[in-house]
Amino acid sequence: MRRNHVVNLLSPLGPSEVRGLNLAEPMDGEFLSEIKTLWQQAGGLLIFRDQQLNQRQHIDFSRQFGTPFGSPDGVPLQDTVSRYLHPDHPEIYRVSNQLDAAGQPRGRARAGTYWHSDVSFRERPASASILYAKEIPKVGGDTLFANTQAAYAALSEAMKDLLAPLTAVHDFAVAAATQYAQPVVINGDFDGTNQALHPVVRQHPDSGRKSIFVNPGFTSHLQGFEKPESDALLNFLYGHMTRPEFIFRQVWQDNDVVMWDNRLLMHYALADYGTEPRYLERTTIIGERPAPGAIGT
């Protein structure tokens, strides 16, 4: 692979764009290590411009970062979203406001229009999500990213000490109740497979840095708290995590591939484009079980 790409910093939080790099070409081990280091330095958010990938190439690139949900050697996403998977490539989740020739959705419309971290309701939540913009509106459809490492670092020491031993329940039922039409929801998704207990503060396996790991989309409650207590603390954290200084706004360009780290970012897709056509394809990498941040470190 030729290494004549250019990296441009887009935000003090680290998000960066990469130009002149063809993700369809295989990467050797040394270069892949460089990309992983760059991803970490970019605050877990890289935007690869001007890509031309078919589904197989998208999956092959993704597999360099782990096993995708839906792959033969992985586990599927929840059943409720199975209708939005690519019919020939179950590793690919489709996002679209369009219908196919048979009048069926090409993907999930208005997907992710709430703050969340992908698949946080699993015992092993997503690490990377890799989203490829194949058709985007002329204006609108941006995605907001909140850096939860920066948000954690800005907390008082007293609040860090309070959060350190806490755990939270993440449950797909939270999103199912507000984000999915009832006929779409599959009851089998509530058998416990899509519910998990995670530390409120997690430590990144590569950088060792801590982040706040709760989100409004999937976090049900703090373990061991009465509901009013849990709600009060979670609402404080949600407001803190989404302060403007922790936000990066991705303004999509044609053929962008955006790779983000769900372990330190949550995101919100803006549905402000009306009927303008929008079609994107996403792979989602199975991560590790979240490790709590040690108290006092």
Foldseek 3Di string as FASTA:
>chain_A
DDDPKDWDADAPLQEIEIEDDELLDDDDPVVLVVVVVSCVNRLFKYKYPDYDDDPVSVLVSVCSVADWAQDPPHHHDFPLQQQQADPVGNLKAKEWPDADPVRHDNHHYQPFQFWDQALPQALFGFFKKKKWWAFDFPDAFKKKKFFQLVLLVPDDLVVCLVQQVWKFKFAQVQQCVPPPDVVSDDVVSRPSRRIDIARQWFADPPPRGIGGPDGNNTTDFIPPDDVVVGVVVVVVSHVSRVDPSRMDMGDDDRGMIMMGTSRGMIMHTDPPRPPGITMMMMGTHGGHRTHGRDPPD
